[in-house]
């Protein structure tokens, strides 16, 4: 049986400040949007980073940082006030930081733990 391919690749700039959160099961997650421009239009793409990718993007990026991501498209739905709503997002598998001047690593706060960015380049996850 043939399998379908669900692959999304994009380059753009992060649209809002990043915050890492913990799910009730303890997994780290970070959601944001990315502006992708083509010709004279801009598309806003919803992104979801999990675990190590969430930690890395929150630690080394900020609003306006240029990144490249690969991932898979996912659509979620829920009901609010009797109206069914949908959200399509990219669940990120890999991320590359594309800014020519890297962002100073910063502390990443979670509700349960505080992570402090490493000083040397050997611990950067890419």
PDB file of N, CA and C in Angstrom:
ATOM      1  N   UNK A   1       0.840  -1.177   0.000  1.00  0.00           N
ATOM      2  CA  UNK A   1       0.000   0.000   0.000  1.00  0.00           C
ATOM      3  C   UNK A   1       0.890   1.247   0.000  1.00  0.00           C
ATOM      4  N   UNK A   2       0.625   2.174  -0.862  1.00  0.00           N
ATOM      5  CA  UNK A   2       1.403   3.412  -0.960  1.00  0.00           C
ATOM      6  C   UNK A   2       1.034   4.355   0.186  1.00  0.00           C
ATOM      7  N   UNK A   3       2.032   5.041   0.695  1.00  0.00           N
ATOM      8  CA  UNK A   3       1.809   6.034   1.745  1.00  0.00           C
ATOM      9  C   UNK A   3       1.846   7.424   1.131  1.00  0.00           C
ATOM     10  N   UNK A   4       1.009   8.290   1.650  1.00  0.00           N
ATOM     11  CA  UNK A   4       1.014   9.678   1.215  1.00  0.00           C
ATOM     12  C   UNK A   4       2.104  10.422   1.968  1.00  0.00           C
ATOM     13  N   UNK A   5       2.557  11.513   1.403  1.00  0.00           N
ATOM     14  CA  UNK A   5       3.614  12.315   2.006  1.00  0.00           C
ATOM     15  C   UNK A   5       3.007  13.586   2.577  1.00  0.00           C
ATOM     16  N   UNK A   6       3.306  13.874   3.827  1.00  0.00           N
ATOM     17  CA  UNK A   6       2.859  15.092   4.483  1.00  0.00           C
ATOM     18  C   UNK A   6       4.116  15.826   4.925  1.00  0.00           C
ATOM     19  N   UNK A   7       4.612  16.719   4.080  1.00  0.00           N
ATOM     20  CA  UNK A   7       5.848  17.438   4.356  1.00  0.00           C
ATOM     21  C   UNK A   7       5.657  18.901   4.018  1.00  0.00           C
ATOM     22  N   UNK A   8       6.000  19.758   4.964  1.00  0.00           N
ATOM     23  CA  UNK A   8       5.931  21.194   4.741  1.00  0.00           C
ATOM     24  C   UNK A   8       7.302  21.780   5.051  1.00  0.00           C
ATOM     25  N   UNK A   9       7.808  22.639   4.165  1.00  0.00           N
ATOM     26  CA  UNK A   9       9.097  23.295   4.336  1.00  0.00           C
ATOM     27  C   UNK A   9       8.882  24.787   4.140  1.00  0.00           C
ATOM     28  N   UNK A  10       9.425  25.603   5.035  1.00  0.00           N
ATOM     29  CA  UNK A  10       9.260  27.041   4.884  1.00  0.00           C
ATOM     30  C   UNK A  10      10.358  27.830   5.547  1.00  0.00           C
ATOM     31  N   UNK A  11      10.534  29.060   5.064  1.00  0.00           N
ATOM     32  CA  UNK A  11      11.464  30.020   5.641  1.00  0.00           C
ATOM     33  C   UNK A  11      10.679  31.287   5.921  1.00  0.00           C
ATOM     34  N   UNK A  12      10.900  31.842   7.109  1.00  0.00           N
ATOM     35  CA  UNK A  12      10.197  33.071   7.446  1.00  0.00           C
ATOM     36  C   UNK A  12      10.693  33.645   8.754  1.00  0.00           C
ATOM     37  N   UNK A  13       9.951  34.619   9.250  1.00  0.00           N
ATOM     38  CA  UNK A  13      10.316  35.294  10.500  1.00  0.00           C
ATOM     39  C   UNK A  13       9.254  35.035  11.560  1.00  0.00           C
ATOM     40  N   UNK A  14       9.725  34.788  12.785  1.00  0.00           N
ATOM     41  CA  UNK A  14       8.834  34.507  13.907  1.00  0.00           C
ATOM     42  C   UNK A  14       7.993  35.749  14.195  1.00  0.00           C
ATOM     43  N   UNK A  15       6.700  35.544  14.397  1.00  0.00           N
ATOM     44  CA  UNK A  15       5.765  36.655  14.514  1.00  0.00           C
ATOM     45  C   UNK A  15       5.440  37.134  15.903  1.00  0.00           C
ATOM     46  N   UNK A  16       5.850  36.420  16.939  1.00  0.00           N
ATOM     47  CA  UNK A  16       5.567  36.879  18.301  1.00  0.00           C
ATOM     48  C   UNK A  16       6.594  36.300  19.256  1.00  0.00           C
ATOM     49  N   UNK A  17       6.665  36.910  20.443  1.00  0.00           N
ATOM     50  CA  UNK A  17       7.609  36.426  21.446  1.00  0.00           C
ATOM     51  C   UNK A  17       7.274  34.986  21.801  1.00  0.00           C
ATOM     52  N   UNK A  18       8.306  34.217  22.091  1.00  0.00           N
ATOM     53  CA  UNK A  18       8.154  32.788  22.325  1.00  0.00           C
ATOM     54  C   UNK A  18       8.077  32.471  23.805  1.00  0.00           C
ATOM     55  N   UNK A  19       7.260  31.472  24.109  1.00  0.00           N
ATOM     56  CA  UNK A  19       7.115  31.014  25.490  1.00  0.00           C
ATOM     57  C   UNK A  19       6.959  29.501  25.484  1.00  0.00           C
ATOM     58  N   UNK A  20       7.747  28.843  26.310  1.00  0.00           N
ATOM     59  CA  UNK A  20       7.645  27.390  26.415  1.00  0.00           C
ATOM     60  C   UNK A  20       6.649  27.057  27.522  1.00  0.00           C
ATOM     61  N   UNK A  21       5.845  26.039  27.278  1.00  0.00           N
ATOM     62  CA  UNK A  21       4.844  25.596  28.261  1.00  0.00           C
ATOM     63  C   UNK A  21       4.983  24.100  28.448  1.00  0.00           C
ATOM     64  N   UNK A  22       4.410  23.605  29.529  1.00  0.00           N
ATOM     65  CA  UNK A  22       4.359  22.164  29.774  1.00  0.00           C
ATOM     66  C   UNK A  22       2.927  21.689  29.604  1.00  0.00           C
ATOM     67  N   UNK A  23       2.761  20.557  28.916  1.00  0.00           N
ATOM     68  CA  UNK A  23       1.444  19.940  28.818  1.00  0.00           C
ATOM     69  C   UNK A  23       1.138  19.271  30.160  1.00  0.00           C
ATOM     70  N   UNK A  24      -0.112  18.875  30.394  1.00  0.00           N
ATOM     71  CA  UNK A  24      -0.420  18.166  31.642  1.00  0.00           C
ATOM     72  C   UNK A  24       0.417  16.900  31.839  1.00  0.00           C
ATOM     73  N   UNK A  25       0.870  16.283  30.737  1.00  0.00           N
ATOM     74  CA  UNK A  25       1.695  15.078  30.849  1.00  0.00           C
ATOM     75  C   UNK A  25       3.185  15.411  31.010  1.00  0.00           C
ATOM     76  N   UNK A  26       3.537  16.704  31.020  1.00  0.00           N
ATOM     77  CA  UNK A  26       4.917  17.106  31.259  1.00  0.00           C
ATOM     78  C   UNK A  26       5.760  17.352  30.025  1.00  0.00           C
ATOM     79  N   UNK A  27       5.179  17.269  28.828  1.00  0.00           N
ATOM     80  CA  UNK A  27       5.946  17.532  27.603  1.00  0.00           C
ATOM     81  C   UNK A  27       6.045  19.038  27.371  1.00  0.00           C
ATOM     82  N   UNK A  28       7.197  19.469  26.866  1.00  0.00           N
ATOM     83  CA  UNK A  28       7.422  20.882  26.561  1.00  0.00           C
ATOM     84  C   UNK A  28       6.874  21.199  25.172  1.00  0.00           C
ATOM     85  N   UNK A  29       6.208  22.351  25.051  1.00  0.00           N
ATOM     86  CA  UNK A  29       5.621  22.759  23.790  1.00  0.00           C
ATOM     87  C   UNK A  29       5.725  24.275  23.655  1.00  0.00           C
ATOM     88  N   UNK A  30       5.914  24.722  22.418  1.00  0.00           N
ATOM     89  CA  UNK A  30       5.955  26.155  22.109  1.00  0.00           C
ATOM     90  C   UNK A  30       5.178  26.361  20.815  1.00  0.00           C
ATOM     91  N   UNK A  31       4.209  27.253  20.840  1.00  0.00           N
ATOM     92  CA  UNK A  31       3.422  27.574  19.648  1.00  0.00           C
ATOM     93  C   UNK A  31       3.678  29.025  19.264  1.00  0.00           C
ATOM     94  N   UNK A  32       3.770  29.268  17.969  1.00  0.00           N
ATOM     95  CA  UNK A  32       3.964  30.631  17.477  1.00  0.00           C
ATOM     96  C   UNK A  32       3.475  30.703  16.040  1.00  0.00           C
ATOM     97  N   UNK A  33       3.691  31.820  15.414  1.00  0.00           N
ATOM     98  CA  UNK A  33       3.388  31.967  13.996  1.00  0.00           C
ATOM     99  C   UNK A  33       4.642  32.455  13.287  1.00  0.00           C
ATOM    100  N   UNK A  34       4.682  32.197  11.987  1.00  0.00           N
ATOM    101  CA  UNK A  34       5.818  32.595  11.167  1.00  0.00           C
ATOM    102  C   UNK A  34       5.290  33.292   9.921  1.00  0.00           C
ATOM    103  N   UNK A  35       5.872  34.447   9.595  1.00  0.00           N
ATOM    104  CA  UNK A  35       5.491  35.185   8.392  1.00  0.00           C
ATOM    105  C   UNK A  35       6.330  34.703   7.221  1.00  0.00           C
ATOM    106  N   UNK A  36       5.668  34.214   6.184  1.00  0.00           N
ATOM    107  CA  UNK A  36       6.333  33.792   4.948  1.00  0.00           C
ATOM    108  C   UNK A  36       5.855  34.721   3.839  1.00  0.00           C
ATOM    109  N   UNK A  37       6.785  35.417   3.212  1.00  0.00           N
ATOM    110  CA  UNK A  37       6.431  36.375   2.159  1.00  0.00           C
ATOM    111  C   UNK A  37       6.739  35.801   0.793  1.00  0.00           C
ATOM    112  N   UNK A  38       5.843  36.074  -0.149  1.00  0.00           N
ATOM    113  CA  UNK A  38       6.027  35.668  -1.536  1.00  0.00           C
ATOM    114  C   UNK A  38       5.433  36.763  -2.404  1.00  0.00           C
ATOM    115  N   UNK A  39       6.218  37.245  -3.358  1.00  0.00           N
ATOM    116  CA  UNK A  39       5.824  38.404  -4.165  1.00  0.00           C
ATOM    117  C   UNK A  39       5.480  39.544  -3.210  1.00  0.00           C
ATOM    118  N   UNK A  40       4.246  40.032  -3.259  1.00  0.00           N
ATOM    119  CA  UNK A  40       3.868  41.152  -2.399  1.00  0.00           C
ATOM    120  C   UNK A  40       2.875  40.750  -1.318  1.00  0.00           C
ATOM    121  N   UNK A  41       2.760  39.443  -1.054  1.00  0.00           N
ATOM    122  CA  UNK A  41       1.829  39.003  -0.023  1.00  0.00           C
ATOM    123  C   UNK A  41       2.578  38.246   1.077  1.00  0.00           C
ATOM    124  N   UNK A  42       1.979  38.217   2.238  1.00  0.00           N
ATOM    125  CA  UNK A  42       2.549  37.513   3.383  1.00  0.00           C
ATOM    126  C   UNK A  42       1.524  36.526   3.912  1.00  0.00           C
ATOM    127  N   UNK A  43       1.956  35.306   4.120  1.00  0.00           N
ATOM    128  CA  UNK A  43       1.126  34.274   4.735  1.00  0.00           C
ATOM    129  C   UNK A  43       1.628  34.055   6.151  1.00  0.00           C
ATOM    130  N   UNK A  44       0.719  33.893   7.097  1.00  0.00           N
ATOM    131  CA  UNK A  44       1.074  33.587   8.488  1.00  0.00           C
ATOM    132  C   UNK A  44       0.835  32.107   8.714  1.00  0.00           C
ATOM    133  N   UNK A  45       1.892  31.410   9.094  1.00  0.00           N
ATOM    134  CA  UNK A  45       1.849  29.971   9.292  1.00  0.00           C
ATOM    135  C   UNK A  45       1.945  29.681  10.787  1.00  0.00           C
ATOM    136  N   UNK A  46       1.010  28.906  11.314  1.00  0.00           N
ATOM    137  CA  UNK A  46       1.055  28.492  12.715  1.00  0.00           C
ATOM    138  C   UNK A  46       2.059  27.353  12.870  1.00  0.00           C
ATOM    139  N   UNK A  47       2.940  27.458  13.868  1.00  0.00           N
ATOM    140  CA  UNK A  47       3.961  26.456  14.124  1.00  0.00           C
ATOM    141  C   UNK A  47       3.835  25.906  15.530  1.00  0.00           C
ATOM    142  N   UNK A  48       4.137  24.610  15.687  1.00  0.00           N
ATOM    143  CA  UNK A  48       4.185  23.977  17.000  1.00  0.00           C
ATOM    144  C   UNK A  48       5.511  23.249  17.123  1.00  0.00           C
ATOM    145  N   UNK A  49       6.268  23.591  18.157  1.00  0.00           N
ATOM    146  CA  UNK A  49       7.551  22.951  18.452  1.00  0.00           C
ATOM    147  C   UNK A  49       7.380  22.102  19.704  1.00  0.00           C
ATOM    148  N   UNK A  50       7.949  20.908  19.724  1.00  0.00           N
ATOM    149  CA  UNK A  50       7.860  20.006  20.872  1.00  0.00           C
ATOM    150  C   UNK A  50       9.241  19.714  21.442  1.00  0.00           C
ATOM    151  N   UNK A  51       9.289  19.476  22.732  1.00  0.00           N
ATOM    152  CA  UNK A  51      10.460  18.999  23.479  1.00  0.00           C
ATOM    153  C   UNK A  51      11.737  19.770  23.153  1.00  0.00           C
ATOM    154  N   UNK A  52      12.769  19.135  22.603  1.00  0.00           N
ATOM    155  CA  UNK A  52      14.070  19.793  22.372  1.00  0.00           C
ATOM    156  C   UNK A  52      13.955  20.938  21.369  1.00  0.00           C
ATOM    157  N   UNK A  53      13.134  20.784  20.334  1.00  0.00           N
ATOM    158  CA  UNK A  53      12.932  21.887  19.393  1.00  0.00           C
ATOM    159  C   UNK A  53      12.285  23.087  20.085  1.00  0.00           C
ATOM    160  N   UNK A  54      11.343  22.837  20.998  1.00  0.00           N
ATOM    161  CA  UNK A  54      10.707  23.919  21.746  1.00  0.00           C
ATOM    162  C   UNK A  54      11.735  24.638  22.610  1.00  0.00           C
ATOM    163  N   UNK A  55      12.567  23.882  23.300  1.00  0.00           N
ATOM    164  CA  UNK A  55      13.603  24.482  24.144  1.00  0.00           C
ATOM    165  C   UNK A  55      14.568  25.318  23.306  1.00  0.00           C
ATOM    166  N   UNK A  56      15.031  24.770  22.180  1.00  0.00           N
ATOM    167  CA  UNK A  56      16.018  25.463  21.347  1.00  0.00           C
ATOM    168  C   UNK A  56      15.461  26.747  20.754  1.00  0.00           C
ATOM    169  N   UNK A  57      14.265  26.691  20.193  1.00  0.00           N
ATOM    170  CA  UNK A  57      13.715  27.877  19.548  1.00  0.00           C
ATOM    171  C   UNK A  57      13.417  28.964  20.578  1.00  0.00           C
ATOM    172  N   UNK A  58      12.974  28.594  21.771  1.00  0.00           N
ATOM    173  CA  UNK A  58      12.714  29.588  22.809  1.00  0.00           C
ATOM    174  C   UNK A  58      14.008  30.177  23.355  1.00  0.00           C
ATOM    175  N   UNK A  59      15.060  29.406  23.331  1.00  0.00           N
ATOM    176  CA  UNK A  59      16.333  29.847  23.872  1.00  0.00           C
ATOM    177  C   UNK A  59      17.109  30.731  22.900  1.00  0.00           C
ATOM    178  N   UNK A  60      17.056  30.432  21.603  1.00  0.00           N
ATOM    179  CA  UNK A  60      17.910  31.107  20.631  1.00  0.00           C
ATOM    180  C   UNK A  60      17.181  32.020  19.659  1.00  0.00           C
ATOM    181  N   UNK A  61      15.866  32.135  19.761  1.00  0.00           N
ATOM    182  CA  UNK A  61      15.109  32.976  18.837  1.00  0.00           C
ATOM    183  C   UNK A  61      14.238  33.960  19.605  1.00  0.00           C
ATOM    184  N   UNK A  62      13.756  34.941  18.875  1.00  0.00           N
ATOM    185  CA  UNK A  62      12.821  35.913  19.419  1.00  0.00           C
ATOM    186  C   UNK A  62      11.941  36.405  18.283  1.00  0.00           C
ATOM    187  N   UNK A  63      10.993  37.270  18.591  1.00  0.00           N
ATOM    188  CA  UNK A  63      10.145  37.842  17.558  1.00  0.00           C
ATOM    189  C   UNK A  63      11.033  38.480  16.498  1.00  0.00           C
ATOM    190  N   UNK A  64      10.796  38.141  15.231  1.00  0.00           N
ATOM    191  CA  UNK A  64      11.571  38.688  14.128  1.00  0.00           C
ATOM    192  C   UNK A  64      12.721  37.810  13.679  1.00  0.00           C
ATOM    193  N   UNK A  65      13.085  36.787  14.458  1.00  0.00           N
ATOM    194  CA  UNK A  65      14.176  35.888  14.063  1.00  0.00           C
ATOM    195  C   UNK A  65      13.800  35.134  12.798  1.00  0.00           C
ATOM    196  N   UNK A  66      14.778  34.991  11.898  1.00  0.00           N
ATOM    197  CA  UNK A  66      14.552  34.261  10.646  1.00  0.00           C
ATOM    198  C   UNK A  66      14.904  32.798  10.860  1.00  0.00           C
ATOM    199  N   UNK A  67      13.971  31.906  10.502  1.00  0.00           N
ATOM    200  CA  UNK A  67      14.170  30.469  10.679  1.00  0.00           C
ATOM    201  C   UNK A  67      13.711  29.712   9.440  1.00  0.00           C
ATOM    202  N   UNK A  68      14.203  28.501   9.327  1.00  0.00           N
ATOM    203  CA  UNK A  68      13.746  27.549   8.318  1.00  0.00           C
ATOM    204  C   UNK A  68      13.212  26.342   9.079  1.00  0.00           C
ATOM    205  N   UNK A  69      12.031  25.872   8.704  1.00  0.00           N
ATOM    206  CA  UNK A  69      11.450  24.720   9.394  1.00  0.00           C
ATOM    207  C   UNK A  69      10.992  23.673   8.394  1.00  0.00           C
ATOM    208  N   UNK A  70      11.024  22.428   8.838  1.00  0.00           N
ATOM    209  CA  UNK A  70      10.367  21.347   8.119  1.00  0.00           C
ATOM    210  C   UNK A  70       9.447  20.665   9.122  1.00  0.00           C
ATOM    211  N   UNK A  71       8.350  20.164   8.629  1.00  0.00           N
ATOM    212  CA  UNK A  71       7.404  19.507   9.516  1.00  0.00           C
ATOM    213  C   UNK A  71       6.242  18.930   8.738  1.00  0.00           C
ATOM    214  N   UNK A  72       5.192  18.613   9.467  1.00  0.00           N
ATOM    215  CA  UNK A  72       3.995  18.041   8.835  1.00  0.00           C
ATOM    216  C   UNK A  72       2.787  18.913   9.167  1.00  0.00           C
ATOM    217  N   UNK A  73       1.871  18.999   8.229  1.00  0.00           N
ATOM    218  CA  UNK A  73       0.640  19.753   8.450  1.00  0.00           C
ATOM    219  C   UNK A  73      -0.310  18.942   9.317  1.00  0.00           C
ATOM    220  N   UNK A  74      -0.977  19.651  10.209  1.00  0.00           N
ATOM    221  CA  UNK A  74      -1.958  19.024  11.097  1.00  0.00           C
ATOM    222  C   UNK A  74      -3.122  20.000  11.261  1.00  0.00           C
ATOM    223  N   UNK A  75      -4.332  19.501  11.197  1.00  0.00           N
ATOM    224  CA  UNK A  75      -5.516  20.327  11.427  1.00  0.00           C
ATOM    225  C   UNK A  75      -6.238  19.826  12.657  1.00  0.00           C
ATOM    226  N   UNK A  76      -6.496  20.754  13.574  1.00  0.00           N
ATOM    227  CA  UNK A  76      -7.243  20.429  14.794  1.00  0.00           C
ATOM    228  C   UNK A  76      -8.597  21.129  14.719  1.00  0.00           C
ATOM    229  N   UNK A  77      -9.576  20.554  15.401  1.00  0.00           N
ATOM    230  CA  UNK A  77     -10.892  21.192  15.459  1.00  0.00           C
ATOM    231  C   UNK A  77     -11.429  21.119  16.878  1.00  0.00           C
ATOM    232  N   UNK A  78     -12.283  22.077  17.209  1.00  0.00           N
ATOM    233  CA  UNK A  78     -12.950  22.121  18.505  1.00  0.00           C
ATOM    234  C   UNK A  78     -14.236  22.919  18.346  1.00  0.00           C
ATOM    235  N   UNK A  79     -15.072  22.853  19.338  1.00  0.00           N
ATOM    236  CA  UNK A  79     -16.324  23.589  19.288  1.00  0.00           C
ATOM    237  C   UNK A  79     -16.306  24.679  20.347  1.00  0.00           C
ATOM    238  N   UNK A  80     -16.703  25.889  19.947  1.00  0.00           N
ATOM    239  CA  UNK A  80     -16.759  27.030  20.850  1.00  0.00           C
ATOM    240  C   UNK A  80     -18.080  27.750  20.647  1.00  0.00           C
ATOM    241  N   UNK A  81     -18.889  27.807  21.679  1.00  0.00           N
ATOM    242  CA  UNK A  81     -20.198  28.458  21.631  1.00  0.00           C
ATOM    243  C   UNK A  81     -21.046  27.922  20.484  1.00  0.00           C
ATOM    244  N   UNK A  82     -21.002  26.616  20.296  1.00  0.00           N
ATOM    245  CA  UNK A  82     -21.804  25.953  19.280  1.00  0.00           C
ATOM    246  C   UNK A  82     -21.272  26.060  17.861  1.00  0.00           C
ATOM    247  N   UNK A  83     -20.097  26.663  17.696  1.00  0.00           N
ATOM    248  CA  UNK A  83     -19.502  26.829  16.371  1.00  0.00           C
ATOM    249  C   UNK A  83     -18.238  25.977  16.286  1.00  0.00           C
ATOM    250  N   UNK A  84     -18.149  25.160  15.246  1.00  0.00           N
ATOM    251  CA  UNK A  84     -16.960  24.341  15.055  1.00  0.00           C
ATOM    252  C   UNK A  84     -15.853  25.207  14.465  1.00  0.00           C
ATOM    253  N   UNK A  85     -14.675  25.164  15.112  1.00  0.00           N
ATOM    254  CA  UNK A  85     -13.533  25.953  14.663  1.00  0.00           C
ATOM    255  C   UNK A  85     -12.402  25.017  14.278  1.00  0.00           C
ATOM    256  N   UNK A  86     -11.546  25.490  13.353  1.00  0.00           N
ATOM    257  CA  UNK A  86     -10.441  24.694  12.845  1.00  0.00           C
ATOM    258  C   UNK A  86      -9.153  25.508  12.908  1.00  0.00           C
ATOM    259  N   UNK A  87      -8.054  24.807  13.102  1.00  0.00           N
ATOM    260  CA  UNK A  87      -6.732  25.423  13.084  1.00  0.00           C
ATOM    261  C   UNK A  87      -5.783  24.484  12.362  1.00  0.00           C
ATOM    262  N   UNK A  88      -5.144  24.988  11.321  1.00  0.00           N
ATOM    263  CA  UNK A  88      -4.121  24.222  10.616  1.00  0.00           C
ATOM    264  C   UNK A  88      -2.765  24.755  11.050  1.00  0.00           C
ATOM    265  N   UNK A  89      -1.860  23.832  11.388  1.00  0.00           N
ATOM    266  CA  UNK A  89      -0.545  24.221  11.889  1.00  0.00           C
ATOM    267  C   UNK A  89       0.507  23.256  11.369  1.00  0.00           C
ATOM    268  N   UNK A  90       1.759  23.675  11.450  1.00  0.00           N
ATOM    269  CA  UNK A  90       2.882  22.824  11.096  1.00  0.00           C
ATOM    270  C   UNK A  90       3.495  22.319  12.389  1.00  0.00           C
ATOM    271  N   UNK A  91       3.533  21.001  12.554  1.00  0.00           N
ATOM    272  CA  UNK A  91       4.223  20.383  13.678  1.00  0.00           C
ATOM    273  C   UNK A  91       5.670  20.228  13.234  1.00  0.00           C
ATOM    274  N   UNK A  92       6.566  20.998  13.837  1.00  0.00           N
ATOM    275  CA  UNK A  92       7.945  21.125  13.370  1.00  0.00           C
ATOM    276  C   UNK A  92       8.776  19.907  13.761  1.00  0.00           C
ATOM    277  N   UNK A  93       9.448  19.325  12.760  1.00  0.00           N
ATOM    278  CA  UNK A  93      10.393  18.229  12.996  1.00  0.00           C
ATOM    279  C   UNK A  93      11.809  18.744  13.151  1.00  0.00           C
ATOM    280  N   UNK A  94      12.162  19.773  12.354  1.00  0.00           N
ATOM    281  CA  UNK A  94      13.506  20.345  12.455  1.00  0.00           C
ATOM    282  C   UNK A  94      13.439  21.843  12.199  1.00  0.00           C
ATOM    283  N   UNK A  95      14.383  22.559  12.816  1.00  0.00           N
ATOM    284  CA  UNK A  95      14.445  24.012  12.687  1.00  0.00           C
ATOM    285  C   UNK A  95      15.892  24.420  12.504  1.00  0.00           C
ATOM    286  N   UNK A  96      16.113  25.408  11.635  1.00  0.00           N
ATOM    287  CA  UNK A  96      17.437  26.005  11.447  1.00  0.00           C
ATOM    288  C   UNK A  96      17.313  27.491  11.692  1.00  0.00           C
ATOM    289  N   UNK A  97      18.283  28.058  12.400  1.00  0.00           N
ATOM    290  CA  UNK A  97      18.295  29.479  12.705  1.00  0.00           C
ATOM    291  C   UNK A  97      19.094  30.179  11.608  1.00  0.00           C
ATOM    292  N   UNK A  98      18.502  31.167  10.945  1.00  0.00           N
ATOM    293  CA  UNK A  98      19.091  31.762   9.752  1.00  0.00           C
ATOM    294  C   UNK A  98      19.589  33.187   9.922  1.00  0.00           C
ATOM    295  N   UNK A  99      19.441  33.782  11.072  1.00  0.00           N
ATOM    296  CA  UNK A  99      19.925  35.147  11.264  1.00  0.00           C
ATOM    297  C   UNK A  99      21.440  35.177  11.161  1.00  0.00           C
ATOM    298  N   UNK A 100      21.971  36.218  10.515  1.00  0.00           N
ATOM    299  CA  UNK A 100      23.421  36.333  10.383  1.00  0.00           C
ATOM    300  C   UNK A 100      24.070  36.660  11.722  1.00  0.00           C
ATOM    301  N   UNK A 101      23.377  37.398  12.562  1.00  0.00           N
ATOM    302  CA  UNK A 101      23.886  37.694  13.901  1.00  0.00           C
ATOM    303  C   UNK A 101      23.030  36.903  14.882  1.00  0.00           C
ATOM    304  N   UNK A 102      23.617  35.904  15.559  1.00  0.00           N
ATOM    305  CA  UNK A 102      22.807  35.084  16.449  1.00  0.00           C
ATOM    306  C   UNK A 102      22.262  35.884  17.629  1.00  0.00           C
ATOM    307  N   UNK A 103      21.087  35.480  18.074  1.00  0.00           N
ATOM    308  CA  UNK A 103      20.467  36.075  19.248  1.00  0.00           C
ATOM    309  C   UNK A 103      21.230  35.588  20.467  1.00  0.00           C
ATOM    310  N   UNK A 104      21.463  36.482  21.425  1.00  0.00           N
ATOM    311  CA  UNK A 104      22.101  36.067  22.675  1.00  0.00           C
ATOM    312  C   UNK A 104      21.227  35.012  23.337  1.00  0.00           C
ATOM    313  N   UNK A 105      21.797  33.875  23.723  1.00  0.00           N
ATOM    314  CA  UNK A 105      20.993  32.860  24.412  1.00  0.00           C
ATOM    315  C   UNK A 105      20.366  33.457  25.666  1.00  0.00           C
ATOM    316  N   UNK A 106      19.167  33.047  25.957  1.00  0.00           N
ATOM    317  CA  UNK A 106      18.471  33.583  27.116  1.00  0.00           C
ATOM    318  C   UNK A 106      17.931  32.452  27.961  1.00  0.00           C
ATOM    319  N   UNK A 107      17.582  32.772  29.183  1.00  0.00           N
ATOM    320  CA  UNK A 107      16.971  31.783  30.068  1.00  0.00           C
ATOM    321  C   UNK A 107      15.584  31.467  29.541  1.00  0.00           C
ATOM    322  N   UNK A 108      15.195  30.225  29.635  1.00  0.00           N
ATOM    323  CA  UNK A 108      13.873  29.780  29.208  1.00  0.00           C
ATOM    324  C   UNK A 108      13.115  29.364  30.447  1.00  0.00           C
ATOM    325  N   UNK A 109      12.020  30.038  30.715  1.00  0.00           N
ATOM    326  CA  UNK A 109      11.235  29.740  31.912  1.00  0.00           C
ATOM    327  C   UNK A 109      10.067  28.835  31.582  1.00  0.00           C
ATOM    328  N   UNK A 110       9.877  27.840  32.395  1.00  0.00           N
ATOM    329  CA  UNK A 110       8.690  26.995  32.323  1.00  0.00           C
ATOM    330  C   UNK A 110       8.024  27.085  33.686  1.00  0.00           C
ATOM    331  N   UNK A 111       6.780  26.687  33.799  1.00  0.00           N
ATOM    332  CA  UNK A 111       6.125  26.768  35.104  1.00  0.00           C
ATOM    333  C   UNK A 111       6.848  25.978  36.196  1.00  0.00           C
ATOM    334  N   UNK A 112       7.517  24.884  35.834  1.00  0.00           N
ATOM    335  CA  UNK A 112       8.129  24.043  36.854  1.00  0.00           C
ATOM    336  C   UNK A 112       9.638  24.209  36.959  1.00  0.00           C
ATOM    337  N   UNK A 113      10.282  24.637  35.890  1.00  0.00           N
ATOM    338  CA  UNK A 113      11.734  24.621  35.842  1.00  0.00           C
ATOM    339  C   UNK A 113      12.251  25.845  35.115  1.00  0.00           C
ATOM    340  N   UNK A 114      13.452  26.290  35.479  1.00  0.00           N
ATOM    341  CA  UNK A 114      14.097  27.352  34.733  1.00  0.00           C
ATOM    342  C   UNK A 114      15.341  26.778  34.078  1.00  0.00           C
ATOM    343  N   UNK A 115      15.487  27.015  32.773  1.00  0.00           N
ATOM    344  CA  UNK A 115      16.643  26.556  32.031  1.00  0.00           C
ATOM    345  C   UNK A 115      17.525  27.757  31.734  1.00  0.00           C
ATOM    346  N   UNK A 116      18.812  27.624  31.956  1.00  0.00           N
ATOM    347  CA  UNK A 116      19.743  28.695  31.662  1.00  0.00           C
ATOM    348  C   UNK A 116      20.540  28.299  30.427  1.00  0.00           C
ATOM    349  N   UNK A 117      20.663  29.219  29.494  1.00  0.00           N
ATOM    350  CA  UNK A 117      21.345  28.933  28.240  1.00  0.00           C
ATOM    351  C   UNK A 117      22.819  28.640  28.476  1.00  0.00           C
ATOM    352  N   UNK A 118      23.370  27.674  27.736  1.00  0.00           N
ATOM    353  CA  UNK A 118      24.801  27.386  27.850  1.00  0.00           C
ATOM    354  C   UNK A 118      25.623  28.512  27.249  1.00  0.00           C
ATOM    355  N   UNK A 119      26.877  28.627  27.658  1.00  0.00           N
ATOM    356  CA  UNK A 119      27.738  29.693  27.191  1.00  0.00           C
ATOM    357  C   UNK A 119      28.509  29.296  25.939  1.00  0.00           C
ATOM    358  N   UNK A 120      28.987  28.046  25.863  1.00  0.00           N
ATOM    359  CA  UNK A 120      29.829  27.658  24.733  1.00  0.00           C
ATOM    360  C   UNK A 120      28.999  27.124  23.571  1.00  0.00           C
ATOM    361  N   UNK A 121      29.542  27.254  22.349  1.00  0.00           N
ATOM    362  CA  UNK A 121      28.843  26.850  21.136  1.00  0.00           C
ATOM    363  C   UNK A 121      28.711  25.346  20.984  1.00  0.00           C
ATOM    364  N   UNK A 122      29.485  24.557  21.684  1.00  0.00           N
ATOM    365  CA  UNK A 122      29.440  23.103  21.497  1.00  0.00           C
ATOM    366  C   UNK A 122      28.125  22.496  21.959  1.00  0.00           C
ATOM    367  N   UNK A 123      27.335  23.219  22.766  1.00  0.00           N
ATOM    368  CA  UNK A 123      26.081  22.661  23.252  1.00  0.00           C
ATOM    369  C   UNK A 123      24.868  23.120  22.442  1.00  0.00           C
ATOM    370  N   UNK A 124      25.086  23.902  21.374  1.00  0.00           N
ATOM    371  CA  UNK A 124      23.968  24.340  20.534  1.00  0.00           C
ATOM    372  C   UNK A 124      23.476  23.122  19.758  1.00  0.00           C
ATOM    373  N   UNK A 125      22.150  22.881  19.731  1.00  0.00           N
ATOM    374  CA  UNK A 125      21.588  21.628  19.199  1.00  0.00           C
ATOM    375  C   UNK A 125      21.528  21.534  17.681  1.00  0.00           C
ATOM    376  N   UNK A 126      22.293  22.243  16.940  1.00  0.00           N
ATOM    377  CA  UNK A 126      22.257  22.134  15.481  1.00  0.00           C
ATOM    378  C   UNK A 126      23.643  22.224  14.912  1.00  0.00           C
TER     379      UNK A 126
END
